[in-house]
């Protein structure tokens, strides 16, 4: 009995320990998941809670000519630190690259990899404050070989100046406000290139598909529109020319006198015909 009781006590203690470890592991996992997330999308605006982190990437199957811009922001008295893993696309030289900056519209560049084909593993770059702008651009190669991921962490630092002004500016009246906080000239909207640097609703190429017409249908519609414009112009020209002739005629005294003479002769002929008709009826 003692052995059985001892075995039972040990077994009970083991089960309680297992439940405690499992609960602790689950809590740690949920905490990590709450503070860290992965964003596989081309560009966005991301707010990172103080002490949290996020991983961004355009994805392993990003499209040719992709242009992704992320604006990241964290709490005051924190700065953002980026841990970058980058494999350069060496197929036709260094074509896919990234740029890190922290100023307005990409100013105050921290790193520009457009001229650097060096692969990087866990390359650390710190911003001066709570804002960081990351841009990733790819060439037109349909078989891209490069990869890019960045883990952005928010780190507390009480010495950071709290009076710093945010580099994320408000868009002006002639600019398109992108959802990733990028301001883009309105004339670039629907030009078949992602100028905003994002692929979500509200970006500059969103809602630009137009009517689903084929090439020959568009040619036919264009031809009919052109023909309509030509016929309309011809009718307008003819009417306008007639108006000018009548205006010139009404302004000419001799032409007016001739018109009156012709009208008088016409009345005489009509009166003569009427009188002849009456005589014939009486006779």
C-alpha atoms as a PDB file:
ATOM      1  CA  UNK A   1       0.000   0.000   0.000  1.00  0.00           C
ATOM      2  CA  UNK A   2       2.789   2.321   0.785  1.00  0.00           C
ATOM      3  CA  UNK A   3       4.378   1.652  -2.548  1.00  0.00           C
ATOM      4  CA  UNK A   4       1.071   2.116  -4.312  1.00  0.00           C
ATOM      5  CA  UNK A   5       0.395   5.339  -2.402  1.00  0.00           C
ATOM      6  CA  UNK A   6       3.865   6.570  -3.125  1.00  0.00           C
ATOM      7  CA  UNK A   7       3.439   5.721  -6.794  1.00  0.00           C
ATOM      8  CA  UNK A   8       0.082   7.499  -6.828  1.00  0.00           C
ATOM      9  CA  UNK A   9       1.578  10.607  -5.225  1.00  0.00           C
ATOM     10  CA  UNK A  10       4.427  10.650  -7.702  1.00  0.00           C
ATOM     11  CA  UNK A  11       2.062  10.110 -10.607  1.00  0.00           C
ATOM     12  CA  UNK A  12      -0.249  12.875  -9.368  1.00  0.00           C
ATOM     13  CA  UNK A  13       2.654  15.265  -9.003  1.00  0.00           C
ATOM     14  CA  UNK A  14       3.824  14.394 -12.518  1.00  0.00           C
ATOM     15  CA  UNK A  15       0.410  15.059 -14.018  1.00  0.00           C
ATOM     16  CA  UNK A  16       0.112  18.401 -12.214  1.00  0.00           C
ATOM     17  CA  UNK A  17       3.575  19.352 -13.425  1.00  0.00           C
ATOM     18  CA  UNK A  18       2.665  18.409 -16.992  1.00  0.00           C
ATOM     19  CA  UNK A  19      -0.526  20.515 -16.868  1.00  0.00           C
ATOM     20  CA  UNK A  20       1.408  23.460 -15.421  1.00  0.00           C
ATOM     21  CA  UNK A  21       4.095  23.234 -18.130  1.00  0.00           C
ATOM     22  CA  UNK A  22       1.482  22.946 -20.863  1.00  0.00           C
ATOM     23  CA  UNK A  23      -0.420  25.961 -19.554  1.00  0.00           C
ATOM     24  CA  UNK A  24       2.775  28.001 -19.271  1.00  0.00           C
ATOM     25  CA  UNK A  25       3.842  27.035 -22.809  1.00  0.00           C
ATOM     26  CA  UNK A  26       0.428  27.987 -24.190  1.00  0.00           C
ATOM     27  CA  UNK A  27       0.515  31.367 -22.448  1.00  0.00           C
ATOM     28  CA  UNK A  28       4.027  32.101 -23.740  1.00  0.00           C
ATOM     29  CA  UNK A  29       2.968  31.092 -27.268  1.00  0.00           C
ATOM     30  CA  UNK A  30      -0.117  33.341 -27.177  1.00  0.00           C
ATOM     31  CA  UNK A  31       1.975  36.220 -25.831  1.00  0.00           C
ATOM     32  CA  UNK A  32       4.524  35.822 -28.609  1.00  0.00           C
ATOM     33  CA  UNK A  33       1.760  35.624 -31.211  1.00  0.00           C
ATOM     34  CA  UNK A  34       0.170  38.763 -29.785  1.00  0.00           C
ATOM     35  CA  UNK A  35       3.416  40.732 -29.927  1.00  0.00           C
ATOM     36  CA  UNK A  36       4.636  39.363 -33.245  1.00  0.00           C
ATOM     37  CA  UNK A  37       2.857  38.867 -36.551  1.00  0.00           C
ATOM     38  CA  UNK A  38       3.829  38.166 -40.137  1.00  0.00           C
ATOM     39  CA  UNK A  39       2.646  40.473 -42.903  1.00  0.00           C
ATOM     40  CA  UNK A  40       3.056  38.924 -46.346  1.00  0.00           C
ATOM     41  CA  UNK A  41       1.637  41.704 -48.474  1.00  0.00           C
ATOM     42  CA  UNK A  42       3.022  44.318 -50.800  1.00  0.00           C
ATOM     43  CA  UNK A  43       3.179  47.447 -48.680  1.00  0.00           C
ATOM     44  CA  UNK A  44       0.980  48.719 -45.861  1.00  0.00           C
ATOM     45  CA  UNK A  45       0.884  50.992 -42.821  1.00  0.00           C
ATOM     46  CA  UNK A  46       1.640  49.044 -39.631  1.00  0.00           C
ATOM     47  CA  UNK A  47       1.428  50.225 -36.041  1.00  0.00           C
ATOM     48  CA  UNK A  48       3.605  48.199 -33.667  1.00  0.00           C
ATOM     49  CA  UNK A  49       2.817  48.265 -29.964  1.00  0.00           C
ATOM     50  CA  UNK A  50       5.726  49.124 -27.684  1.00  0.00           C
ATOM     51  CA  UNK A  51       7.860  46.018 -27.231  1.00  0.00           C
ATOM     52  CA  UNK A  52       6.144  44.196 -30.087  1.00  0.00           C
ATOM     53  CA  UNK A  53       7.417  43.130 -33.485  1.00  0.00           C
ATOM     54  CA  UNK A  54       6.203  42.310 -36.970  1.00  0.00           C
ATOM     55  CA  UNK A  55       7.751  40.526 -39.938  1.00  0.00           C
ATOM     56  CA  UNK A  56       7.160  41.960 -43.406  1.00  0.00           C
ATOM     57  CA  UNK A  57       7.823  40.389 -46.778  1.00  0.00           C
ATOM     58  CA  UNK A  58       6.557  40.819 -50.354  1.00  0.00           C
ATOM     59  CA  UNK A  59       6.243  37.024 -50.397  1.00  0.00           C
ATOM     60  CA  UNK A  60       8.399  34.432 -52.110  1.00  0.00           C
ATOM     61  CA  UNK A  61       6.244  34.631 -55.259  1.00  0.00           C
ATOM     62  CA  UNK A  62       6.144  38.389 -55.692  1.00  0.00           C
ATOM     63  CA  UNK A  63       5.201  39.765 -59.119  1.00  0.00           C
ATOM     64  CA  UNK A  64       7.648  41.315 -61.623  1.00  0.00           C
ATOM     65  CA  UNK A  65       8.066  45.103 -61.327  1.00  0.00           C
ATOM     66  CA  UNK A  66       6.620  44.991 -57.822  1.00  0.00           C
ATOM     67  CA  UNK A  67       6.964  48.166 -55.759  1.00  0.00           C
ATOM     68  CA  UNK A  68       6.198  47.716 -52.041  1.00  0.00           C
ATOM     69  CA  UNK A  69       6.320  50.513 -49.452  1.00  0.00           C
ATOM     70  CA  UNK A  70       5.755  49.962 -45.739  1.00  0.00           C
ATOM     71  CA  UNK A  71       5.400  52.757 -43.211  1.00  0.00           C
ATOM     72  CA  UNK A  72       5.922  51.444 -39.670  1.00  0.00           C
ATOM     73  CA  UNK A  73       5.238  53.348 -36.461  1.00  0.00           C
ATOM     74  CA  UNK A  74       5.515  52.487 -32.780  1.00  0.00           C
ATOM     75  CA  UNK A  75       4.833  54.195 -29.451  1.00  0.00           C
ATOM     76  CA  UNK A  76       6.675  57.276 -28.202  1.00  0.00           C
ATOM     77  CA  UNK A  77       9.939  56.699 -26.325  1.00  0.00           C
ATOM     78  CA  UNK A  78      10.583  53.665 -28.551  1.00  0.00           C
ATOM     79  CA  UNK A  79      12.638  53.192 -31.689  1.00  0.00           C
ATOM     80  CA  UNK A  80      12.288  50.657 -34.483  1.00  0.00           C
ATOM     81  CA  UNK A  81      14.992  48.122 -35.251  1.00  0.00           C
ATOM     82  CA  UNK A  82      14.981  46.108 -38.488  1.00  0.00           C
ATOM     83  CA  UNK A  83      16.563  42.655 -38.824  1.00  0.00           C
ATOM     84  CA  UNK A  84      16.841  42.003 -42.552  1.00  0.00           C
ATOM     85  CA  UNK A  85      17.407  38.802 -44.493  1.00  0.00           C
ATOM     86  CA  UNK A  86      18.075  39.478 -48.146  1.00  0.00           C
ATOM     87  CA  UNK A  87      19.155  37.320 -51.071  1.00  0.00           C
ATOM     88  CA  UNK A  88      19.992  39.367 -54.156  1.00  0.00           C
ATOM     89  CA  UNK A  89      18.585  38.462 -57.578  1.00  0.00           C
ATOM     90  CA  UNK A  90      21.818  37.767 -59.475  1.00  0.00           C
ATOM     91  CA  UNK A  91      20.131  36.627 -62.746  1.00  0.00           C
ATOM     92  CA  UNK A  92      20.715  39.911 -64.595  1.00  0.00           C
ATOM     93  CA  UNK A  93      22.661  41.946 -62.090  1.00  0.00           C
ATOM     94  CA  UNK A  94      21.328  43.508 -58.909  1.00  0.00           C
ATOM     95  CA  UNK A  95      17.745  44.350 -59.935  1.00  0.00           C
ATOM     96  CA  UNK A  96      15.621  43.565 -56.852  1.00  0.00           C
ATOM     97  CA  UNK A  97      16.556  45.815 -53.931  1.00  0.00           C
ATOM     98  CA  UNK A  98      15.353  47.550 -50.756  1.00  0.00           C
ATOM     99  CA  UNK A  99      15.659  51.058 -49.318  1.00  0.00           C
ATOM    100  CA  UNK A 100      15.354  51.991 -45.630  1.00  0.00           C
ATOM    101  CA  UNK A 101      14.605  55.605 -44.685  1.00  0.00           C
ATOM    102  CA  UNK A 102      12.989  57.587 -41.890  1.00  0.00           C
ATOM    103  CA  UNK A 103      12.204  60.990 -43.431  1.00  0.00           C
ATOM    104  CA  UNK A 104       9.302  62.432 -45.393  1.00  0.00           C
ATOM    105  CA  UNK A 105       8.708  60.850 -48.814  1.00  0.00           C
ATOM    106  CA  UNK A 106      11.752  58.603 -48.471  1.00  0.00           C
ATOM    107  CA  UNK A 107      14.239  61.254 -47.315  1.00  0.00           C
ATOM    108  CA  UNK A 108      16.917  60.594 -44.669  1.00  0.00           C
ATOM    109  CA  UNK A 109      17.985  57.301 -46.225  1.00  0.00           C
ATOM    110  CA  UNK A 110      19.508  54.774 -43.828  1.00  0.00           C
ATOM    111  CA  UNK A 111      20.334  52.086 -46.407  1.00  0.00           C
ATOM    112  CA  UNK A 112      20.017  51.951 -50.190  1.00  0.00           C
ATOM    113  CA  UNK A 113      20.635  48.498 -51.622  1.00  0.00           C
ATOM    114  CA  UNK A 114      19.951  49.519 -55.249  1.00  0.00           C
ATOM    115  CA  UNK A 115      23.688  49.457 -55.961  1.00  0.00           C
ATOM    116  CA  UNK A 116      24.582  46.647 -53.597  1.00  0.00           C
ATOM    117  CA  UNK A 117      24.259  42.972 -54.565  1.00  0.00           C
ATOM    118  CA  UNK A 118      25.512  41.610 -51.244  1.00  0.00           C
ATOM    119  CA  UNK A 119      23.373  38.973 -49.553  1.00  0.00           C
ATOM    120  CA  UNK A 120      22.567  39.738 -45.922  1.00  0.00           C
ATOM    121  CA  UNK A 121      21.545  37.495 -43.031  1.00  0.00           C
ATOM    122  CA  UNK A 122      20.125  39.096 -39.898  1.00  0.00           C
ATOM    123  CA  UNK A 123      21.411  42.516 -40.944  1.00  0.00           C
ATOM    124  CA  UNK A 124      20.453  44.952 -38.147  1.00  0.00           C
ATOM    125  CA  UNK A 125      19.575  48.590 -38.815  1.00  0.00           C
ATOM    126  CA  UNK A 126      18.120  50.921 -36.191  1.00  0.00           C
ATOM    127  CA  UNK A 127      15.964  53.983 -36.779  1.00  0.00           C
ATOM    128  CA  UNK A 128      16.486  57.121 -34.695  1.00  0.00           C
ATOM    129  CA  UNK A 129      12.887  57.239 -33.495  1.00  0.00           C
ATOM    130  CA  UNK A 130       9.517  55.507 -33.751  1.00  0.00           C
ATOM    131  CA  UNK A 131       9.111  55.693 -37.542  1.00  0.00           C
ATOM    132  CA  UNK A 132      10.619  53.630 -40.348  1.00  0.00           C
ATOM    133  CA  UNK A 133       9.924  53.495 -44.080  1.00  0.00           C
ATOM    134  CA  UNK A 134      10.898  50.379 -46.042  1.00  0.00           C
ATOM    135  CA  UNK A 135      10.648  50.097 -49.814  1.00  0.00           C
ATOM    136  CA  UNK A 136      11.222  46.931 -51.842  1.00  0.00           C
ATOM    137  CA  UNK A 137      11.418  47.065 -55.647  1.00  0.00           C
ATOM    138  CA  UNK A 138      11.750  44.236 -58.160  1.00  0.00           C
ATOM    139  CA  UNK A 139      12.671  44.229 -61.836  1.00  0.00           C
ATOM    140  CA  UNK A 140      10.588  42.843 -64.724  1.00  0.00           C
ATOM    141  CA  UNK A 141      12.041  39.348 -64.409  1.00  0.00           C
ATOM    142  CA  UNK A 142       9.238  36.780 -64.260  1.00  0.00           C
ATOM    143  CA  UNK A 143      11.599  34.228 -62.666  1.00  0.00           C
ATOM    144  CA  UNK A 144      12.787  36.141 -59.620  1.00  0.00           C
ATOM    145  CA  UNK A 145      15.413  34.447 -57.491  1.00  0.00           C
ATOM    146  CA  UNK A 146      15.851  37.022 -54.731  1.00  0.00           C
ATOM    147  CA  UNK A 147      14.133  37.012 -51.334  1.00  0.00           C
ATOM    148  CA  UNK A 148      13.476  39.719 -48.771  1.00  0.00           C
ATOM    149  CA  UNK A 149      12.123  39.571 -45.216  1.00  0.00           C
ATOM    150  CA  UNK A 150      12.462  42.058 -42.387  1.00  0.00           C
ATOM    151  CA  UNK A 151      11.562  41.638 -38.728  1.00  0.00           C
ATOM    152  CA  UNK A 152      10.808  45.036 -37.221  1.00  0.00           C
ATOM    153  CA  UNK A 153      10.973  45.311 -33.445  1.00  0.00           C
ATOM    154  CA  UNK A 154       9.915  48.122 -31.130  1.00  0.00           C
ATOM    155  CA  UNK A 155      12.534  48.832 -28.464  1.00  0.00           C
ATOM    156  CA  UNK A 156      12.081  51.177 -25.496  1.00  0.00           C
ATOM    157  CA  UNK A 157      14.464  54.112 -25.109  1.00  0.00           C
ATOM    158  CA  UNK A 158      13.597  56.935 -22.707  1.00  0.00           C
ATOM    159  CA  UNK A 159      16.270  59.218 -24.160  1.00  0.00           C
ATOM    160  CA  UNK A 160      14.417  59.651 -27.465  1.00  0.00           C
ATOM    161  CA  UNK A 161      13.248  63.234 -28.005  1.00  0.00           C
ATOM    162  CA  UNK A 162       9.456  63.270 -27.585  1.00  0.00           C
ATOM    163  CA  UNK A 163       9.133  66.519 -29.575  1.00  0.00           C
ATOM    164  CA  UNK A 164      10.125  64.898 -32.867  1.00  0.00           C
ATOM    165  CA  UNK A 165       7.605  65.510 -35.666  1.00  0.00           C
ATOM    166  CA  UNK A 166       6.196  62.535 -37.540  1.00  0.00           C
ATOM    167  CA  UNK A 167       7.582  62.170 -41.084  1.00  0.00           C
ATOM    168  CA  UNK A 168       4.234  60.702 -42.168  1.00  0.00           C
ATOM    169  CA  UNK A 169       2.667  63.790 -43.686  1.00  0.00           C
ATOM    170  CA  UNK A 170      -0.878  64.671 -44.745  1.00  0.00           C
ATOM    171  CA  UNK A 171      -1.567  64.518 -48.483  1.00  0.00           C
ATOM    172  CA  UNK A 172      -2.235  67.723 -50.413  1.00  0.00           C
ATOM    173  CA  UNK A 173      -5.341  68.392 -52.525  1.00  0.00           C
ATOM    174  CA  UNK A 174      -3.651  67.323 -55.780  1.00  0.00           C
ATOM    175  CA  UNK A 175      -2.337  64.061 -54.310  1.00  0.00           C
ATOM    176  CA  UNK A 176      -3.839  60.596 -53.927  1.00  0.00           C
ATOM    177  CA  UNK A 177      -3.879  59.342 -50.325  1.00  0.00           C
ATOM    178  CA  UNK A 178      -2.710  55.733 -50.294  1.00  0.00           C
ATOM    179  CA  UNK A 179      -3.721  53.386 -47.446  1.00  0.00           C
ATOM    180  CA  UNK A 180      -0.047  52.841 -46.549  1.00  0.00           C
ATOM    181  CA  UNK A 181       0.289  56.606 -45.789  1.00  0.00           C
ATOM    182  CA  UNK A 182       2.078  57.371 -49.074  1.00  0.00           C
ATOM    183  CA  UNK A 183       1.020  60.516 -50.966  1.00  0.00           C
ATOM    184  CA  UNK A 184       1.039  60.147 -54.747  1.00  0.00           C
ATOM    185  CA  UNK A 185       0.442  62.631 -57.578  1.00  0.00           C
ATOM    186  CA  UNK A 186      -3.102  62.203 -58.928  1.00  0.00           C
ATOM    187  CA  UNK A 187      -1.877  62.001 -62.533  1.00  0.00           C
ATOM    188  CA  UNK A 188      -0.191  58.664 -61.691  1.00  0.00           C
ATOM    189  CA  UNK A 189      -3.521  57.019 -60.852  1.00  0.00           C
ATOM    190  CA  UNK A 190      -4.512  54.119 -63.136  1.00  0.00           C
ATOM    191  CA  UNK A 191      -1.260  54.271 -65.150  1.00  0.00           C
ATOM    192  CA  UNK A 192      -0.656  50.488 -64.880  1.00  0.00           C
ATOM    193  CA  UNK A 193       2.136  50.906 -62.318  1.00  0.00           C
ATOM    194  CA  UNK A 194       1.831  50.577 -58.543  1.00  0.00           C
ATOM    195  CA  UNK A 195       3.032  54.040 -57.490  1.00  0.00           C
ATOM    196  CA  UNK A 196       1.461  53.810 -54.007  1.00  0.00           C
ATOM    197  CA  UNK A 197       3.549  50.749 -53.223  1.00  0.00           C
ATOM    198  CA  UNK A 198       0.648  48.646 -51.952  1.00  0.00           C
ATOM    199  CA  UNK A 199      -1.871  46.142 -53.286  1.00  0.00           C
ATOM    200  CA  UNK A 200      -4.848  46.642 -50.973  1.00  0.00           C
ATOM    201  CA  UNK A 201      -8.142  48.493 -51.472  1.00  0.00           C
ATOM    202  CA  UNK A 202      -7.638  52.205 -52.054  1.00  0.00           C
ATOM    203  CA  UNK A 203      -4.236  51.967 -53.772  1.00  0.00           C
ATOM    204  CA  UNK A 204      -3.692  53.862 -57.024  1.00  0.00           C
ATOM    205  CA  UNK A 205      -4.366  50.855 -59.303  1.00  0.00           C
ATOM    206  CA  UNK A 206      -7.465  49.720 -57.399  1.00  0.00           C
ATOM    207  CA  UNK A 207     -10.673  49.963 -59.465  1.00  0.00           C
ATOM    208  CA  UNK A 208      -8.863  50.723 -62.740  1.00  0.00           C
ATOM    209  CA  UNK A 209      -9.836  47.599 -64.703  1.00  0.00           C
ATOM    210  CA  UNK A 210     -12.380  49.449 -66.894  1.00  0.00           C
ATOM    211  CA  UNK A 211     -14.784  47.713 -69.270  1.00  0.00           C
ATOM    212  CA  UNK A 212     -13.933  44.111 -70.283  1.00  0.00           C
ATOM    213  CA  UNK A 213     -13.689  44.862 -74.035  1.00  0.00           C
ATOM    214  CA  UNK A 214     -11.534  43.038 -76.565  1.00  0.00           C
ATOM    215  CA  UNK A 215      -9.070  44.718 -78.935  1.00  0.00           C
ATOM    216  CA  UNK A 216     -11.329  44.586 -82.002  1.00  0.00           C
ATOM    217  CA  UNK A 217     -14.358  45.774 -80.036  1.00  0.00           C
ATOM    218  CA  UNK A 218     -12.381  48.786 -78.849  1.00  0.00           C
ATOM    219  CA  UNK A 219     -11.274  49.456 -82.458  1.00  0.00           C
ATOM    220  CA  UNK A 220     -14.891  49.249 -83.695  1.00  0.00           C
ATOM    221  CA  UNK A 221     -16.161  51.551 -80.967  1.00  0.00           C
ATOM    222  CA  UNK A 222     -13.336  53.988 -81.685  1.00  0.00           C
ATOM    223  CA  UNK A 223     -14.148  53.945 -85.416  1.00  0.00           C
ATOM    224  CA  UNK A 224     -17.852  54.595 -84.798  1.00  0.00           C
ATOM    225  CA  UNK A 225     -17.053  57.432 -82.402  1.00  0.00           C
ATOM    226  CA  UNK A 226     -14.689  58.939 -84.985  1.00  0.00           C
ATOM    227  CA  UNK A 227     -17.328  58.647 -87.731  1.00  0.00           C
ATOM    228  CA  UNK A 228     -19.923  60.274 -85.492  1.00  0.00           C
ATOM    229  CA  UNK A 229     -17.565  63.154 -84.723  1.00  0.00           C
ATOM    230  CA  UNK A 230     -16.848  63.633 -88.461  1.00  0.00           C
ATOM    231  CA  UNK A 231     -20.556  63.661 -89.459  1.00  0.00           C
ATOM    232  CA  UNK A 232     -21.399  66.021 -86.606  1.00  0.00           C
ATOM    233  CA  UNK A 233     -18.614  68.384 -87.626  1.00  0.00           C
ATOM    234  CA  UNK A 234     -19.757  68.306 -91.266  1.00  0.00           C
ATOM    235  CA  UNK A 235     -23.357  69.170 -90.300  1.00  0.00           C
ATOM    236  CA  UNK A 236     -22.176  71.935 -87.996  1.00  0.00           C
ATOM    237  CA  UNK A 237     -19.909  73.375 -90.707  1.00  0.00           C
ATOM    238  CA  UNK A 238     -22.739  73.364 -93.266  1.00  0.00           C
ATOM    239  CA  UNK A 239     -25.185  75.057 -90.884  1.00  0.00           C
ATOM    240  CA  UNK A 240     -22.610  77.622 -89.833  1.00  0.00           C
ATOM    241  CA  UNK A 241     -21.750  78.438 -93.446  1.00  0.00           C
ATOM    242  CA  UNK A 242     -25.451  78.934 -94.269  1.00  0.00           C
ATOM    243  CA  UNK A 243     -25.777  81.224 -91.259  1.00  0.00           C
ATOM    244  CA  UNK A 244     -22.811  83.321 -92.416  1.00  0.00           C
ATOM    245  CA  UNK A 245     -24.238  83.626 -95.956  1.00  0.00           C
ATOM    246  CA  UNK A 246     -27.625  84.741 -94.643  1.00  0.00           C
ATOM    247  CA  UNK A 247     -25.969  87.219 -92.290  1.00  0.00           C
ATOM    248  CA  UNK A 248     -23.924  88.720 -95.147  1.00  0.00           C
ATOM    249  CA  UNK A 249     -27.006  88.831 -97.372  1.00  0.00           C
ATOM    250  CA  UNK A 250     -29.078  90.676 -94.760  1.00  0.00           C
ATOM    251  CA  UNK A 251     -26.308  93.255 -94.363  1.00  0.00           C
ATOM    252  CA  UNK A 252     -26.170  94.050 -98.165  1.00  0.00           C
ATOM    253  CA  UNK A 253     -28.632  96.891 -99.261  1.00  0.00           C
ATOM    254  CA  UNK A 254     -28.461  95.987-102.945  1.00  0.00           C
ATOM    255  CA  UNK A 255     -29.206  92.351-102.179  1.00  0.00           C
ATOM    256  CA  UNK A 256     -32.179  93.465-100.062  1.00  0.00           C
ATOM    257  CA  UNK A 257     -33.523  95.668-102.926  1.00  0.00           C
ATOM    258  CA  UNK A 258     -33.158  92.791-105.371  1.00  0.00           C
ATOM    259  CA  UNK A 259     -35.036  90.519-102.963  1.00  0.00           C
ATOM    260  CA  UNK A 260     -37.893  93.016-102.690  1.00  0.00           C
ATOM    261  CA  UNK A 261     -38.070  93.347-106.494  1.00  0.00           C
ATOM    262  CA  UNK A 262     -38.271  89.582-106.890  1.00  0.00           C
ATOM    263  CA  UNK A 263     -41.004  89.383-104.276  1.00  0.00           C
ATOM    264  CA  UNK A 264     -43.027  92.095-106.122  1.00  0.00           C
ATOM    265  CA  UNK A 265     -42.666  90.274-109.444  1.00  0.00           C
ATOM    266  CA  UNK A 266     -43.792  87.047-107.849  1.00  0.00           C
ATOM    267  CA  UNK A 267     -46.912  88.761-106.473  1.00  0.00           C
ATOM    268  CA  UNK A 268     -47.704  90.193-109.926  1.00  0.00           C
ATOM    269  CA  UNK A 269     -47.434  86.789-111.550  1.00  0.00           C
ATOM    270  CA  UNK A 270     -49.655  85.240-108.929  1.00  0.00           C
ATOM    271  CA  UNK A 271     -52.262  88.024-109.379  1.00  0.00           C
ATOM    272  CA  UNK A 272     -52.198  87.642-113.190  1.00  0.00           C
ATOM    273  CA  UNK A 273     -52.680  83.876-112.937  1.00  0.00           C
ATOM    274  CA  UNK A 274     -55.574  84.375-110.542  1.00  0.00           C
ATOM    275  CA  UNK A 275     -57.295  86.901-112.845  1.00  0.00           C
ATOM    276  CA  UNK A 276     -56.824  84.636-115.871  1.00  0.00           C
ATOM    277  CA  UNK A 277     -58.326  81.750-113.989  1.00  0.00           C
ATOM    278  CA  UNK A 278     -61.412  83.846-113.029  1.00  0.00           C
ATOM    279  CA  UNK A 279     -61.951  85.007-116.635  1.00  0.00           C
ATOM    280  CA  UNK A 280     -61.769  81.464-117.855  1.00  0.00           C
ATOM    281  CA  UNK A 281     -64.349  80.396-115.252  1.00  0.00           C
ATOM    282  CA  UNK A 282     -66.822  83.148-116.379  1.00  0.00           C
ATOM    283  CA  UNK A 283     -66.409  82.492-120.115  1.00  0.00           C
END
